[in-house]
PDB file of N, CA and C in Angstrom:
ATOM      1  N   MET A   1    -121.294  -5.724 -16.740  1.00  0.00           N
ATOM      2  CA  MET A   1    -122.039  -4.679 -16.109  1.00  0.00           C
ATOM      3  C   MET A   1    -122.232  -4.970 -14.621  1.00  0.00           C
ATOM      4  N   ARG A   2    -122.101  -4.303 -13.478  1.00  0.00           N
ATOM      5  CA  ARG A   2    -122.522  -4.345 -12.382  1.00  0.00           C
ATOM      6  C   ARG A   2    -123.228  -3.247 -11.929  1.00  0.00           C
ATOM      7  N   GLY A   3    -124.237  -3.749 -11.125  1.00  0.00           N
ATOM      8  CA  GLY A   3    -124.971  -3.187 -10.675  1.00  0.00           C
ATOM      9  C   GLY A   3    -126.397  -3.270 -11.230  1.00  0.00           C
ATOM     10  N   ALA A   4    -127.781  -2.461 -11.061  1.00  0.00           N
ATOM     11  CA  ALA A   4    -128.614  -2.391 -11.670  1.00  0.00           C
ATOM     12  C   ALA A   4    -128.720  -0.928 -12.474  1.00  0.00           C
ATOM     13  N   LEU A   5    -129.645  -1.514 -13.797  1.00  0.00           N
ATOM     14  CA  LEU A   5    -129.722  -0.692 -15.071  1.00  0.00           C
ATOM     15  C   LEU A   5    -131.048   0.270 -14.601  1.00  0.00           C
ATOM     16  N   ARG A   6    -130.675   1.412 -15.365  1.00  0.00           N
ATOM     17  CA  ARG A   6    -131.776   2.293 -15.236  1.00  0.00           C
ATOM     18  C   ARG A   6    -133.250   1.662 -16.184  1.00  0.00           C
ATOM     19  N   ASP A   7    -134.429   2.139 -15.916  1.00  0.00           N
ATOM     20  CA  ASP A   7    -135.545   1.687 -16.279  1.00  0.00           C
ATOM     21  C   ASP A   7    -135.398   2.667 -17.538  1.00  0.00           C
ATOM     22  N   ILE A   8    -136.107   2.196 -18.745  1.00  0.00           N
ATOM     23  CA  ILE A   8    -136.230   2.568 -20.470  1.00  0.00           C
ATOM     24  C   ILE A   8    -136.756   4.089 -20.424  1.00  0.00           C
ATOM     25  N   ILE A   9    -135.952   4.563 -21.474  1.00  0.00           N
ATOM     26  CA  ILE A   9    -136.327   5.722 -21.903  1.00  0.00           C
ATOM     27  C   ILE A   9    -136.611   5.640 -22.887  1.00  0.00           C
ATOM     28  N   ALA A  10    -137.145   6.220 -23.695  1.00  0.00           N
ATOM     29  CA  ALA A  10    -137.839   6.226 -25.404  1.00  0.00           C
ATOM     30  C   ALA A  10    -137.144   7.653 -26.018  1.00  0.00           C
ATOM     31  N   CYS A  11    -136.533   7.397 -26.911  1.00  0.00           N
ATOM     32  CA  CYS A  11    -136.217   8.860 -27.231  1.00  0.00           C
ATOM     33  C   CYS A  11    -136.487   9.375 -28.768  1.00  0.00           C
ATOM     34  N   HIS A  12    -137.395   9.950 -28.829  1.00  0.00           N
ATOM     35  CA  HIS A  12    -137.583  10.316 -30.272  1.00  0.00           C
ATOM     36  C   HIS A  12    -137.113  11.356 -31.227  1.00  0.00           C
ATOM     37  N   CYS A  13    -135.918  12.131 -31.001  1.00  0.00           N
ATOM     38  CA  CYS A  13    -135.099  13.135 -31.605  1.00  0.00           C
ATOM     39  C   CYS A  13    -134.360  12.659 -32.890  1.00  0.00           C
ATOM     40  N   SER A  14    -134.540  13.523 -33.773  1.00  0.00           N
ATOM     41  CA  SER A  14    -134.834  13.325 -35.019  1.00  0.00           C
ATOM     42  C   SER A  14    -133.096  11.931 -35.433  1.00  0.00           C
ATOM     43  N   GLN A  15    -131.999  12.628 -34.573  1.00  0.00           N
ATOM     44  CA  GLN A  15    -130.750  12.118 -34.554  1.00  0.00           C
ATOM     45  C   GLN A  15    -131.542  10.509 -34.283  1.00  0.00           C
ATOM     46  N   CYS A  16    -131.719  10.067 -33.229  1.00  0.00           N
ATOM     47  CA  CYS A  16    -132.224   8.840 -32.768  1.00  0.00           C
ATOM     48  C   CYS A  16    -132.654   8.095 -33.765  1.00  0.00           C
ATOM     49  N   ARG A  17    -134.133   8.599 -34.410  1.00  0.00           N
ATOM     50  CA  ARG A  17    -134.417   8.312 -34.982  1.00  0.00           C
ATOM     51  C   ARG A  17    -134.022   7.645 -36.662  1.00  0.00           C
ATOM     52  N   ARG A  18    -132.919   8.580 -36.694  1.00  0.00           N
ATOM     53  CA  ARG A  18    -132.248   8.521 -38.385  1.00  0.00           C
ATOM     54  C   ARG A  18    -131.625   7.355 -38.111  1.00  0.00           C
ATOM     55  N   THR A  19    -130.735   7.610 -36.755  1.00  0.00           N
ATOM     56  CA  THR A  19    -129.171   6.288 -36.759  1.00  0.00           C
ATOM     57  C   THR A  19    -130.112   4.521 -36.225  1.00  0.00           C
ATOM     58  N   SER A  20    -131.393   4.706 -35.510  1.00  0.00           N
ATOM     59  CA  SER A  20    -131.862   3.459 -35.448  1.00  0.00           C
ATOM     60  C   SER A  20    -133.122   3.063 -36.799  1.00  0.00           C
ATOM     61  N   GLY A  21    -133.414   3.962 -37.189  1.00  0.00           N
ATOM     62  CA  GLY A  21    -134.646   3.632 -38.196  1.00  0.00           C
ATOM     63  C   GLY A  21    -136.318   3.775 -37.426  1.00  0.00           C
ATOM     64  N   HIS A  22    -136.354   4.200 -36.200  1.00  0.00           N
ATOM     65  CA  HIS A  22    -137.178   4.427 -35.756  1.00  0.00           C
ATOM     66  C   HIS A  22    -136.969   5.017 -33.972  1.00  0.00           C
ATOM     67  N   PHE A  23    -137.669   5.091 -33.161  1.00  0.00           N
ATOM     68  CA  PHE A  23    -137.282   5.659 -31.942  1.00  0.00           C
ATOM     69  C   PHE A  23    -136.421   5.015 -31.313  1.00  0.00           C
ATOM     70  N   VAL A  24    -135.281   5.605 -30.329  1.00  0.00           N
ATOM     71  CA  VAL A  24    -134.396   4.843 -29.670  1.00  0.00           C
ATOM     72  C   VAL A  24    -134.905   4.311 -27.988  1.00  0.00           C
ATOM     73  N   ALA A  25    -135.126   3.171 -27.863  1.00  0.00           N
ATOM     74  CA  ALA A  25    -135.199   2.300 -26.172  1.00  0.00           C
ATOM     75  C   ALA A  25    -133.717   2.151 -25.560  1.00  0.00           C
ATOM     76  N   ALA A  26    -133.706   2.643 -24.581  1.00  0.00           N
ATOM     77  CA  ALA A  26    -132.534   2.798 -24.289  1.00  0.00           C
ATOM     78  C   ALA A  26    -132.683   2.621 -22.705  1.00  0.00           C
ATOM     79  N   THR A  27    -131.576   1.910 -22.109  1.00  0.00           N
ATOM     80  CA  THR A  27    -131.683   1.911 -20.464  1.00  0.00           C
ATOM     81  C   THR A  27    -129.972   2.597 -19.921  1.00  0.00           C
ATOM     82  N   GLY A  28    -129.645   2.647 -19.234  1.00  0.00           N
ATOM     83  CA  GLY A  28    -127.917   3.091 -18.655  1.00  0.00           C
ATOM     84  C   GLY A  28    -127.721   2.801 -17.566  1.00  0.00           C
ATOM     85  N   ALA A  29    -126.334   3.163 -17.501  1.00  0.00           N
ATOM     86  CA  ALA A  29    -125.507   2.896 -16.164  1.00  0.00           C
ATOM     87  C   ALA A  29    -124.761   3.610 -16.292  1.00  0.00           C
ATOM     88  N   ALA A  30    -123.819   3.805 -15.181  1.00  0.00           N
ATOM     89  CA  ALA A  30    -122.875   4.710 -15.065  1.00  0.00           C
ATOM     90  C   ALA A  30    -121.583   4.140 -15.619  1.00  0.00           C
ATOM     91  N   SER A  31    -120.517   4.918 -16.390  1.00  0.00           N
ATOM     92  CA  SER A  31    -119.889   4.341 -17.248  1.00  0.00           C
ATOM     93  C   SER A  31    -118.972   3.563 -16.536  1.00  0.00           C
ATOM     94  N   ASP A  32    -118.365   3.763 -15.089  1.00  0.00           N
ATOM     95  CA  ASP A  32    -117.347   3.236 -14.301  1.00  0.00           C
ATOM     96  C   ASP A  32    -118.045   1.516 -13.899  1.00  0.00           C
ATOM     97  N   ARG A  33    -119.686   1.159 -14.203  1.00  0.00           N
ATOM     98  CA  ARG A  33    -120.157  -0.112 -13.922  1.00  0.00           C
ATOM     99  C   ARG A  33    -119.849  -0.853 -15.189  1.00  0.00           C
ATOM    100  N   ILE A  34    -119.483  -0.023 -16.358  1.00  0.00           N
ATOM    101  CA  ILE A  34    -119.491  -1.074 -17.682  1.00  0.00           C
ATOM    102  C   ILE A  34    -118.227  -1.483 -17.887  1.00  0.00           C
ATOM    103  N   THR A  35    -118.064  -2.668 -18.068  1.00  0.00           N
ATOM    104  CA  THR A  35    -116.698  -3.589 -18.242  1.00  0.00           C
ATOM    105  C   THR A  35    -117.305  -4.135 -19.452  1.00  0.00           C
ATOM    106  N   PHE A  36    -116.255  -4.230 -20.706  1.00  0.00           N
ATOM    107  CA  PHE A  36    -116.367  -5.027 -21.515  1.00  0.00           C
ATOM    108  C   PHE A  36    -115.623  -6.490 -21.686  1.00  0.00           C
ATOM    109  N   GLU A  37    -115.851  -7.533 -21.952  1.00  0.00           N
ATOM    110  CA  GLU A  37    -115.084  -8.819 -22.279  1.00  0.00           C
ATOM    111  C   GLU A  37    -114.563  -8.959 -23.383  1.00  0.00           C
ATOM    112  N   LYS A  38    -115.057  -8.527 -24.059  1.00  0.00           N
ATOM    113  CA  LYS A  38    -113.990  -8.384 -25.899  1.00  0.00           C
ATOM    114  C   LYS A  38    -115.108  -7.017 -26.209  1.00  0.00           C
ATOM    115  N   ASN A  39    -114.233  -6.186 -27.099  1.00  0.00           N
ATOM    116  CA  ASN A  39    -114.369  -5.164 -27.509  1.00  0.00           C
ATOM    117  C   ASN A  39    -114.039  -4.753 -28.970  1.00  0.00           C
ATOM    118  N   GLU A  40    -113.427  -5.876 -29.887  1.00  0.00           N
ATOM    119  CA  GLU A  40    -112.864  -5.812 -30.996  1.00  0.00           C
ATOM    120  C   GLU A  40    -113.540  -4.970 -31.869  1.00  0.00           C
ATOM    121  N   THR A  41    -114.675  -5.603 -31.881  1.00  0.00           N
ATOM    122  CA  THR A  41    -115.702  -5.160 -33.387  1.00  0.00           C
ATOM    123  C   THR A  41    -116.226  -3.565 -32.693  1.00  0.00           C
ATOM    124  N   LEU A  42    -116.156  -3.174 -31.716  1.00  0.00           N
ATOM    125  CA  LEU A  42    -117.015  -1.715 -30.618  1.00  0.00           C
ATOM    126  C   LEU A  42    -116.327  -0.537 -31.493  1.00  0.00           C
ATOM    127  N   VAL A  43    -117.150   0.090 -32.151  1.00  0.00           N
ATOM    128  CA  VAL A  43    -116.826   1.466 -32.716  1.00  0.00           C
ATOM    129  C   VAL A  43    -117.169   2.886 -32.161  1.00  0.00           C
ATOM    130  N   TRP A  44    -116.791   3.587 -31.909  1.00  0.00           N
ATOM    131  CA  TRP A  44    -117.116   4.621 -31.286  1.00  0.00           C
ATOM    132  C   TRP A  44    -117.396   5.333 -32.634  1.00  0.00           C
ATOM    133  N   PHE A  45    -118.527   6.716 -32.724  1.00  0.00           N
ATOM    134  CA  PHE A  45    -118.587   7.382 -33.654  1.00  0.00           C
ATOM    135  C   PHE A  45    -119.410   9.073 -32.923  1.00  0.00           C
ATOM    136  N   ALA A  46    -118.420   9.754 -33.513  1.00  0.00           N
ATOM    137  CA  ALA A  46    -118.833  11.077 -33.089  1.00  0.00           C
ATOM    138  C   ALA A  46    -120.026  11.691 -33.610  1.00  0.00           C
ATOM    139  N   SER A  47    -121.307  11.180 -33.017  1.00  0.00           N
ATOM    140  CA  SER A  47    -122.394  11.649 -33.992  1.00  0.00           C
ATOM    141  C   SER A  47    -123.149  13.270 -33.915  1.00  0.00           C
ATOM    142  N   SER A  48    -122.345  13.899 -33.311  1.00  0.00           N
ATOM    143  CA  SER A  48    -122.485  15.338 -32.951  1.00  0.00           C
ATOM    144  C   SER A  48    -121.393  15.978 -32.113  1.00  0.00           C
ATOM    145  N   ASP A  49    -121.511  17.466 -32.043  1.00  0.00           N
ATOM    146  CA  ASP A  49    -120.754  17.805 -31.323  1.00  0.00           C
ATOM    147  C   ASP A  49    -120.207  17.621 -29.747  1.00  0.00           C
ATOM    148  N   TRP A  50    -121.292  16.826 -29.211  1.00  0.00           N
ATOM    149  CA  TRP A  50    -121.416  16.578 -27.975  1.00  0.00           C
ATOM    150  C   TRP A  50    -121.601  15.011 -27.446  1.00  0.00           C
ATOM    151  N   ALA A  51    -121.820  14.486 -28.850  1.00  0.00           N
ATOM    152  CA  ALA A  51    -122.201  13.018 -28.026  1.00  0.00           C
ATOM    153  C   ALA A  51    -121.552  12.001 -29.103  1.00  0.00           C
ATOM    154  N   GLU A  52    -121.319  10.426 -28.713  1.00  0.00           N
ATOM    155  CA  GLU A  52    -121.077   9.817 -29.186  1.00  0.00           C
ATOM    156  C   GLU A  52    -121.912   8.270 -29.217  1.00  0.00           C
ATOM    157  N   ARG A  53    -121.701   7.576 -30.689  1.00  0.00           N
ATOM    158  CA  ARG A  53    -122.462   6.138 -30.391  1.00  0.00           C
ATOM    159  C   ARG A  53    -121.825   5.289 -30.662  1.00  0.00           C
ATOM    160  N   GLY A  54    -121.794   4.460 -29.660  1.00  0.00           N
ATOM    161  CA  GLY A  54    -120.861   2.930 -30.044  1.00  0.00           C
ATOM    162  C   GLY A  54    -121.680   1.994 -30.876  1.00  0.00           C
ATOM    163  N   PHE A  55    -121.208   1.317 -31.775  1.00  0.00           N
ATOM    164  CA  PHE A  55    -122.061  -0.009 -32.645  1.00  0.00           C
ATOM    165  C   PHE A  55    -120.806  -1.029 -33.250  1.00  0.00           C
ATOM    166  N   CYS A  56    -121.587  -2.000 -33.692  1.00  0.00           N
ATOM    167  CA  CYS A  56    -121.183  -3.112 -33.956  1.00  0.00           C
ATOM    168  C   CYS A  56    -120.050  -2.758 -35.133  1.00  0.00           C
ATOM    169  N   GLY A  57    -118.972  -2.862 -35.269  1.00  0.00           N
ATOM    170  CA  GLY A  57    -118.356  -2.513 -36.777  1.00  0.00           C
ATOM    171  C   GLY A  57    -118.250  -3.917 -37.680  1.00  0.00           C
ATOM    172  N   ARG A  58    -118.892  -5.029 -36.879  1.00  0.00           N
ATOM    173  CA  ARG A  58    -118.931  -6.197 -37.709  1.00  0.00           C
ATOM    174  C   ARG A  58    -120.663  -6.272 -38.677  1.00  0.00           C
ATOM    175  N   CYS A  59    -121.739  -5.905 -37.993  1.00  0.00           N
ATOM    176  CA  CYS A  59    -123.061  -5.657 -38.056  1.00  0.00           C
ATOM    177  C   CYS A  59    -123.769  -4.748 -38.592  1.00  0.00           C
ATOM    178  N   GLY A  60    -123.485  -3.417 -37.704  1.00  0.00           N
ATOM    179  CA  GLY A  60    -123.496  -2.117 -37.801  1.00  0.00           C
ATOM    180  C   GLY A  60    -124.743  -2.111 -36.341  1.00  0.00           C
ATOM    181  N   GLY A  61    -124.802  -3.350 -35.550  1.00  0.00           N
ATOM    182  CA  GLY A  61    -125.893  -3.071 -34.614  1.00  0.00           C
ATOM    183  C   GLY A  61    -125.226  -1.714 -33.725  1.00  0.00           C
ATOM    184  N   ASN A  62    -126.600  -0.483 -33.396  1.00  0.00           N
ATOM    185  CA  ASN A  62    -126.487   0.090 -32.452  1.00  0.00           C
ATOM    186  C   ASN A  62    -126.538  -0.448 -31.236  1.00  0.00           C
ATOM    187  N   LEU A  63    -125.657   0.023 -30.453  1.00  0.00           N
ATOM    188  CA  LEU A  63    -125.568  -0.250 -29.282  1.00  0.00           C
ATOM    189  C   LEU A  63    -125.284   0.882 -27.898  1.00  0.00           C
ATOM    190  N   PHE A  64    -124.777   1.787 -28.104  1.00  0.00           N
ATOM    191  CA  PHE A  64    -124.719   2.495 -26.907  1.00  0.00           C
ATOM    192  C   PHE A  64    -124.766   4.168 -27.239  1.00  0.00           C
ATOM    193  N   TRP A  65    -124.511   4.859 -26.699  1.00  0.00           N
ATOM    194  CA  TRP A  65    -125.138   6.206 -26.689  1.00  0.00           C
ATOM    195  C   TRP A  65    -124.266   7.058 -25.437  1.00  0.00           C
ATOM    196  N   ARG A  66    -123.314   7.510 -25.257  1.00  0.00           N
ATOM    197  CA  ARG A  66    -122.896   8.751 -24.209  1.00  0.00           C
ATOM    198  C   ARG A  66    -122.358  10.087 -24.758  1.00  0.00           C
ATOM    199  N   PRO A  67    -122.297  10.855 -23.620  1.00  0.00           N
ATOM    200  CA  PRO A  67    -121.731  12.425 -23.850  1.00  0.00           C
ATOM    201  C   PRO A  67    -120.208  12.122 -24.502  1.00  0.00           C
ATOM    202  N   LEU A  68    -119.697  12.988 -25.211  1.00  0.00           N
ATOM    203  CA  LEU A  68    -118.727  12.798 -25.288  1.00  0.00           C
ATOM    204  C   LEU A  68    -117.375  13.374 -24.381  1.00  0.00           C
ATOM    205  N   GLU A  69    -117.811  14.317 -23.538  1.00  0.00           N
ATOM    206  CA  GLU A  69    -116.943  14.724 -22.193  1.00  0.00           C
ATOM    207  C   GLU A  69    -117.257  14.092 -21.131  1.00  0.00           C
ATOM    208  N   ASN A  70    -118.500  13.266 -21.289  1.00  0.00           N
ATOM    209  CA  ASN A  70    -119.048  12.240 -20.146  1.00  0.00           C
ATOM    210  C   ASN A  70    -118.705  12.488 -18.855  1.00  0.00           C
ATOM    211  N   ASP A  71    -118.737  13.997 -18.771  1.00  0.00           N
ATOM    212  CA  ASP A  71    -118.878  14.839 -17.557  1.00  0.00           C
ATOM    213  C   ASP A  71    -119.673  13.664 -16.402  1.00  0.00           C
ATOM    214  N   ARG A  72    -120.478  13.309 -16.714  1.00  0.00           N
ATOM    215  CA  ARG A  72    -121.834  13.231 -15.938  1.00  0.00           C
ATOM    216  C   ARG A  72    -121.747  11.435 -15.760  1.00  0.00           C
ATOM    217  N   GLY A  73    -120.511  10.743 -16.776  1.00  0.00           N
ATOM    218  CA  GLY A  73    -120.070   9.443 -16.343  1.00  0.00           C
ATOM    219  C   GLY A  73    -121.097   8.766 -16.640  1.00  0.00           C
ATOM    220  N   TRP A  74    -122.123   8.710 -17.387  1.00  0.00           N
ATOM    221  CA  TRP A  74    -123.157   7.767 -18.099  1.00  0.00           C
ATOM    222  C   TRP A  74    -123.185   7.453 -19.321  1.00  0.00           C
ATOM    223  N   THR A  75    -123.406   5.953 -19.565  1.00  0.00           N
ATOM    224  CA  THR A  75    -123.610   5.755 -21.190  1.00  0.00           C
ATOM    225  C   THR A  75    -125.114   4.795 -21.303  1.00  0.00           C
ATOM    226  N   SER A  76    -125.423   5.183 -21.966  1.00  0.00           N
ATOM    227  CA  SER A  76    -126.687   4.822 -22.521  1.00  0.00           C
ATOM    228  C   SER A  76    -126.525   3.288 -23.296  1.00  0.00           C
ATOM    229  N   ILE A  77    -127.619   2.356 -22.908  1.00  0.00           N
ATOM    230  CA  ILE A  77    -127.501   0.899 -23.899  1.00  0.00           C
ATOM    231  C   ILE A  77    -128.738   0.716 -24.267  1.00  0.00           C
ATOM    232  N   MET A  78    -128.680   0.440 -25.418  1.00  0.00           N
ATOM    233  CA  MET A  78    -129.638  -0.027 -26.398  1.00  0.00           C
ATOM    234  C   MET A  78    -130.704  -1.214 -25.781  1.00  0.00           C
ATOM    235  N   ALA A  79    -131.816  -0.703 -25.492  1.00  0.00           N
ATOM    236  CA  ALA A  79    -132.561  -1.995 -24.821  1.00  0.00           C
ATOM    237  C   ALA A  79    -132.778  -3.013 -25.551  1.00  0.00           C
ATOM    238  N   GLY A  80    -133.108  -3.051 -26.570  1.00  0.00           N
ATOM    239  CA  GLY A  80    -133.170  -4.097 -27.745  1.00  0.00           C
ATOM    240  C   GLY A  80    -132.251  -4.993 -27.726  1.00  0.00           C
ATOM    241  N   THR A  81    -130.822  -4.830 -27.362  1.00  0.00           N
ATOM    242  CA  THR A  81    -129.547  -5.421 -27.197  1.00  0.00           C
ATOM    243  C   THR A  81    -129.032  -6.429 -26.069  1.00  0.00           C
ATOM    244  N   LEU A  82    -130.360  -6.275 -25.011  1.00  0.00           N
ATOM    245  CA  LEU A  82    -130.364  -6.836 -23.690  1.00  0.00           C
ATOM    246  C   LEU A  82    -131.465  -8.137 -23.585  1.00  0.00           C
ATOM    247  N   ASP A  83    -130.762  -9.694 -23.341  1.00  0.00           N
ATOM    248  CA  ASP A  83    -131.285 -10.569 -24.002  1.00  0.00           C
ATOM    249  C   ASP A  83    -132.561 -10.170 -22.365  1.00  0.00           C
ATOM    250  N   PRO A  84    -133.873 -11.322 -22.818  1.00  0.00           N
ATOM    251  CA  PRO A  84    -135.086 -10.875 -21.755  1.00  0.00           C
ATOM    252  C   PRO A  84    -134.627 -12.222 -20.864  1.00  0.00           C
ATOM    253  N   PRO A  85    -135.548 -12.362 -19.737  1.00  0.00           N
ATOM    254  CA  PRO A  85    -136.111 -11.254 -19.271  1.00  0.00           C
ATOM    255  C   PRO A  85    -135.110 -10.153 -18.384  1.00  0.00           C
ATOM    256  N   THR A  86    -135.728  -8.761 -18.813  1.00  0.00           N
ATOM    257  CA  THR A  86    -134.649  -7.490 -18.507  1.00  0.00           C
ATOM    258  C   THR A  86    -135.458  -7.323 -17.238  1.00  0.00           C
ATOM    259  N   GLN A  87    -136.478  -7.232 -16.746  1.00  0.00           N
ATOM    260  CA  GLN A  87    -137.379  -6.817 -15.674  1.00  0.00           C
ATOM    261  C   GLN A  87    -137.256  -5.529 -15.701  1.00  0.00           C
ATOM    262  N   LEU A  88    -136.849  -4.737 -16.839  1.00  0.00           N
ATOM    263  CA  LEU A  88    -136.881  -3.108 -16.792  1.00  0.00           C
ATOM    264  C   LEU A  88    -138.551  -2.795 -17.341  1.00  0.00           C
ATOM    265  N   MET A  89    -138.850  -1.396 -17.004  1.00  0.00           N
ATOM    266  CA  MET A  89    -140.172  -0.598 -17.524  1.00  0.00           C
ATOM    267  C   MET A  89    -139.770   0.051 -18.381  1.00  0.00           C
ATOM    268  N   LEU A  90    -140.356   0.645 -19.439  1.00  0.00           N
ATOM    269  CA  LEU A  90    -140.489   1.934 -20.427  1.00  0.00           C
ATOM    270  C   LEU A  90    -140.895   2.899 -19.442  1.00  0.00           C
ATOM    271  N   LYS A  91    -140.665   3.807 -19.065  1.00  0.00           N
ATOM    272  CA  LYS A  91    -140.951   4.672 -18.208  1.00  0.00           C
ATOM    273  C   LYS A  91    -141.085   6.161 -18.585  1.00  0.00           C
ATOM    274  N   GLN A  92    -140.390   6.825 -19.369  1.00  0.00           N
ATOM    275  CA  GLN A  92    -140.490   7.801 -20.066  1.00  0.00           C
ATOM    276  C   GLN A  92    -139.940   7.866 -21.932  1.00  0.00           C
ATOM    277  N   HIS A  93    -140.908   9.042 -22.232  1.00  0.00           N
ATOM    278  CA  HIS A  93    -140.769   9.730 -23.782  1.00  0.00           C
ATOM    279  C   HIS A  93    -139.700  10.632 -23.811  1.00  0.00           C
ATOM    280  N   ILE A  94    -138.635  11.039 -24.423  1.00  0.00           N
ATOM    281  CA  ILE A  94    -138.125  12.477 -24.478  1.00  0.00           C
ATOM    282  C   ILE A  94    -138.548  12.801 -25.668  1.00  0.00           C
ATOM    283  N   PHE A  95    -138.135  14.026 -26.139  1.00  0.00           N
ATOM    284  CA  PHE A  95    -138.360  14.826 -27.462  1.00  0.00           C
ATOM    285  C   PHE A  95    -139.421  14.415 -28.170  1.00  0.00           C
ATOM    286  N   VAL A  96    -140.399  14.463 -27.726  1.00  0.00           N
ATOM    287  CA  VAL A  96    -141.724  13.701 -28.524  1.00  0.00           C
ATOM    288  C   VAL A  96    -142.014  15.101 -29.192  1.00  0.00           C
ATOM    289  N   ALA A  97    -141.619  16.042 -29.191  1.00  0.00           N
ATOM    290  CA  ALA A  97    -141.943  17.153 -30.267  1.00  0.00           C
ATOM    291  C   ALA A  97    -141.395  16.899 -31.090  1.00  0.00           C
ATOM    292  N   ASP A  98    -140.526  16.069 -31.259  1.00  0.00           N
ATOM    293  CA  ASP A  98    -139.603  16.048 -32.616  1.00  0.00           C
ATOM    294  C   ASP A  98    -139.757  14.380 -33.301  1.00  0.00           C
ATOM    295  N   LYS A  99    -140.947  13.669 -32.732  1.00  0.00           N
ATOM    296  CA  LYS A  99    -141.320  12.146 -33.212  1.00  0.00           C
ATOM    297  C   LYS A  99    -141.952  12.507 -34.512  1.00  0.00           C
ATOM    298  N   SER A 100    -141.990  11.547 -35.421  1.00  0.00           N
ATOM    299  CA  SER A 100    -142.307  11.525 -36.719  1.00  0.00           C
ATOM    300  C   SER A 100    -144.362  11.851 -36.584  1.00  0.00           C
ATOM    301  N   ASP A 101    -144.784  11.267 -37.735  1.00  0.00           N
ATOM    302  CA  ASP A 101    -145.825  11.220 -37.841  1.00  0.00           C
ATOM    303  C   ASP A 101    -146.832  10.052 -37.861  1.00  0.00           C
ATOM    304  N   TYR A 102    -145.920   8.823 -38.421  1.00  0.00           N
ATOM    305  CA  TYR A 102    -146.547   7.638 -38.563  1.00  0.00           C
ATOM    306  C   TYR A 102    -146.603   6.712 -37.398  1.00  0.00           C
ATOM    307  N   TYR A 103    -146.712   7.061 -36.141  1.00  0.00           N
ATOM    308  CA  TYR A 103    -146.994   6.908 -35.089  1.00  0.00           C
ATOM    309  C   TYR A 103    -147.505   7.608 -33.625  1.00  0.00           C
ATOM    310  N   GLU A 104    -148.305   6.966 -32.952  1.00  0.00           N
ATOM    311  CA  GLU A 104    -148.700   7.607 -31.424  1.00  0.00           C
ATOM    312  C   GLU A 104    -148.002   7.077 -30.362  1.00  0.00           C
ATOM    313  N   ILE A 105    -148.062   7.767 -29.684  1.00  0.00           N
ATOM    314  CA  ILE A 105    -147.342   7.174 -27.926  1.00  0.00           C
ATOM    315  C   ILE A 105    -148.520   7.335 -26.934  1.00  0.00           C
ATOM    316  N   THR A 106    -149.053   5.889 -27.008  1.00  0.00           N
ATOM    317  CA  THR A 106    -150.453   5.471 -26.223  1.00  0.00           C
ATOM    318  C   THR A 106    -149.950   4.367 -25.067  1.00  0.00           C
ATOM    319  N   ASP A 107    -148.751   4.381 -24.637  1.00  0.00           N
ATOM    320  CA  ASP A 107    -148.602   3.541 -23.653  1.00  0.00           C
ATOM    321  C   ASP A 107    -149.136   4.190 -22.229  1.00  0.00           C
ATOM    322  N   GLY A 108    -148.890   5.347 -22.035  1.00  0.00           N
ATOM    323  CA  GLY A 108    -149.303   6.140 -20.517  1.00  0.00           C
ATOM    324  C   GLY A 108    -147.814   6.334 -19.905  1.00  0.00           C
ATOM    325  N   ALA A 109    -146.569   6.298 -20.560  1.00  0.00           N
ATOM    326  CA  ALA A 109    -145.695   6.536 -19.793  1.00  0.00           C
ATOM    327  C   ALA A 109    -145.492   8.318 -19.927  1.00  0.00           C
ATOM    328  N   GLU A 110    -144.976   8.870 -19.137  1.00  0.00           N
ATOM    329  CA  GLU A 110    -144.232  10.204 -18.968  1.00  0.00           C
ATOM    330  C   GLU A 110    -143.891  10.542 -20.417  1.00  0.00           C
ATOM    331  N   GLN A 111    -144.337  11.762 -20.659  1.00  0.00           N
ATOM    332  CA  GLN A 111    -143.987  12.317 -22.107  1.00  0.00           C
ATOM    333  C   GLN A 111    -143.409  13.568 -22.187  1.00  0.00           C
ATOM    334  N   ARG A 112    -141.820  14.100 -22.410  1.00  0.00           N
ATOM    335  CA  ARG A 112    -141.665  15.325 -22.374  1.00  0.00           C
ATOM    336  C   ARG A 112    -141.423  15.813 -23.759  1.00  0.00           C
ATOM    337  N   ALA A 113    -141.328  17.034 -23.973  1.00  0.00           N
ATOM    338  CA  ALA A 113    -141.484  17.499 -25.342  1.00  0.00           C
ATOM    339  C   ALA A 113    -140.130  17.532 -25.572  1.00  0.00           C
ATOM    340  N   GLU A 114    -138.815  18.107 -24.839  1.00  0.00           N
ATOM    341  CA  GLU A 114    -137.376  17.766 -25.229  1.00  0.00           C
ATOM    342  C   GLU A 114    -136.887  16.996 -24.080  1.00  0.00           C
TER     343      GLU A 114
END
């Protein structure tokens, strides 16, 4: 990875909740700034008609999310996969209208319904 990462966005959509077991917290970077030293266990799965998720084929770990056509050239990186200190901050919650009922969002970060 070359350059800075975007601050963390938490996605509460039903698909992110189902693939992660909770909401997803992700940073991201321009796809052309991401390189892999090794990727023999990296598997990409088309999780919808418009996006795919990258995960470890060995342990099943949720690693990445990106648009299938990737015309914006962006890849989201699951924040929990990064070693601390990340120096990143959670700045926004998205799809909060889809969040589950067992938790509240009380951290003061911006919230968007979609």
